[in-house]
C-alpha cells in the first residue's frame, strides 16, 4: 500500500468509522490517460459501509467522502469510484 492509499484509508476511517472498508488502486487501468501518474496511486475504487451515511442521499455521501479526501485530491488523487452504504444496505455483511 502506498502513501496515497494509506492517506485515503486513514482519513476515511477517522472521519466515517466504517464498519467495512476496502480500497483498490486501479491506476494501472488508466496508464496514458489524463491524471495518470507514472508511479500509480491516482485512480482508486473504494467501498465504505458506515452508519455516518444513515439518512443521507448518495450525493451527500459522496460529498462527505470528497470532503474528507480533499488533501489527497490536492496531492494528485485524480479519480475515485465509490460505493457508499449504510450497515443496513450492506449485503456482504
Protein backbone atom coordinates (compact mmCIF):
# COMPACT_ATOMS: atom_id res chain seq x y z
CA UNK A 1 0.00 0.00 0.00
CA UNK A 2 1.42 3.39 -0.99
CA UNK A 3 1.26 6.76 0.71
CA UNK A 4 -1.82 7.90 -1.21
CA UNK A 5 -3.87 4.79 -0.44
CA UNK A 6 -2.75 4.93 3.21
CA UNK A 7 -3.86 8.58 3.41
CA UNK A 8 -7.22 7.74 1.86
CA UNK A 9 -7.80 4.89 4.29
CA UNK A 10 -6.64 6.90 7.30
CA UNK A 11 -8.88 9.88 6.54
CA UNK A 12 -11.95 7.78 5.81
CA UNK A 13 -11.51 5.57 8.87
CA UNK A 14 -11.10 8.64 11.10
CA UNK A 15 -13.99 10.57 9.56
CA UNK A 16 -16.52 7.80 8.97
CA UNK A 17 -15.58 5.00 11.36
CA UNK A 18 -16.63 2.41 8.77
CA UNK A 19 -17.98 -0.99 9.63
CA UNK A 20 -16.39 -2.21 6.39
CA UNK A 21 -13.80 -0.57 4.16
CA UNK A 22 -11.90 -1.66 1.06
CA UNK A 23 -9.65 0.16 -1.37
CA UNK A 24 -8.26 -0.93 -4.74
CA UNK A 25 -5.67 1.01 -6.75
CA UNK A 26 -6.94 0.91 -10.35
CA UNK A 27 -4.31 3.30 -11.70
CA UNK A 28 -2.84 0.62 -13.99
CA UNK A 29 -6.13 0.66 -15.94
CA UNK A 30 -5.64 4.35 -16.71
CA UNK A 31 -2.00 4.43 -17.81
CA UNK A 32 -1.57 7.06 -20.52
CA UNK A 33 -4.87 8.78 -19.68
CA UNK A 34 -5.37 12.20 -18.14
CA UNK A 35 -4.41 12.35 -14.49
CA UNK A 36 -2.47 9.07 -14.55
CA UNK A 37 0.88 9.23 -12.79
CA UNK A 38 3.92 7.12 -13.57
CA UNK A 39 4.01 5.69 -10.04
CA UNK A 40 0.28 4.93 -9.96
CA UNK A 41 -1.85 5.88 -6.97
CA UNK A 42 -4.04 8.24 -8.96
CA UNK A 43 -7.22 6.19 -9.58
CA UNK A 44 -8.95 4.23 -6.81
CA UNK A 45 -12.12 2.26 -6.13
CA UNK A 46 -13.44 2.22 -2.56
CA UNK A 47 -16.27 0.59 -0.66
CA UNK A 48 -17.29 2.26 2.60
CA UNK A 49 -20.01 0.93 4.89
CA UNK A 50 -20.73 3.40 7.67
CA UNK A 51 -23.54 4.43 9.99
CA UNK A 52 -22.48 8.00 9.21
CA UNK A 53 -24.34 7.61 5.90
CA UNK A 54 -27.70 6.96 7.59
CA UNK A 55 -30.35 9.37 6.27
CA UNK A 56 -28.02 10.76 3.58
CA UNK A 57 -28.59 10.70 -0.18
CA UNK A 58 -26.00 9.17 -2.48
CA UNK A 59 -24.79 12.66 -3.41
CA UNK A 60 -24.48 13.71 0.24
CA UNK A 61 -22.49 10.56 0.99
CA UNK A 62 -20.13 11.26 -1.89
CA UNK A 63 -19.73 14.87 -0.74
CA UNK A 64 -18.76 13.59 2.71
CA UNK A 65 -16.08 11.35 1.18
CA UNK A 66 -14.76 14.09 -1.12
CA UNK A 67 -14.57 16.48 1.83
CA UNK A 68 -12.54 14.01 3.88
CA UNK A 69 -10.20 13.37 0.94
CA UNK A 70 -9.56 17.00 -0.02
CA UNK A 71 -5.87 16.72 0.97
CA UNK A 72 -5.42 13.65 -1.24
CA UNK A 73 -7.03 15.35 -4.23
CA UNK A 74 -4.68 18.28 -3.70
CA UNK A 75 -1.77 15.81 -3.68
CA UNK A 76 -2.67 14.18 -7.01
CA UNK A 77 -5.60 11.84 -6.44
CA UNK A 78 -7.32 12.07 -9.81
CA UNK A 79 -10.31 9.72 -9.77
CA UNK A 80 -12.32 7.90 -7.15
CA UNK A 81 -15.04 5.33 -7.84
CA UNK A 82 -17.01 4.73 -4.68
CA UNK A 83 -19.72 2.61 -3.17
CA UNK A 84 -21.14 4.18 -0.02
CA UNK A 85 -23.58 2.12 2.06
CA UNK A 86 -25.19 2.13 5.46
CA UNK A 87 -24.82 -1.07 7.52
CA UNK A 88 -28.45 -1.94 6.71
CA UNK A 89 -27.71 -1.68 2.96
CA UNK A 90 -24.58 -3.85 3.12
CA UNK A 91 -25.48 -7.22 1.60
CA UNK A 92 -21.92 -8.52 2.15
CA UNK A 93 -22.40 -8.38 5.91
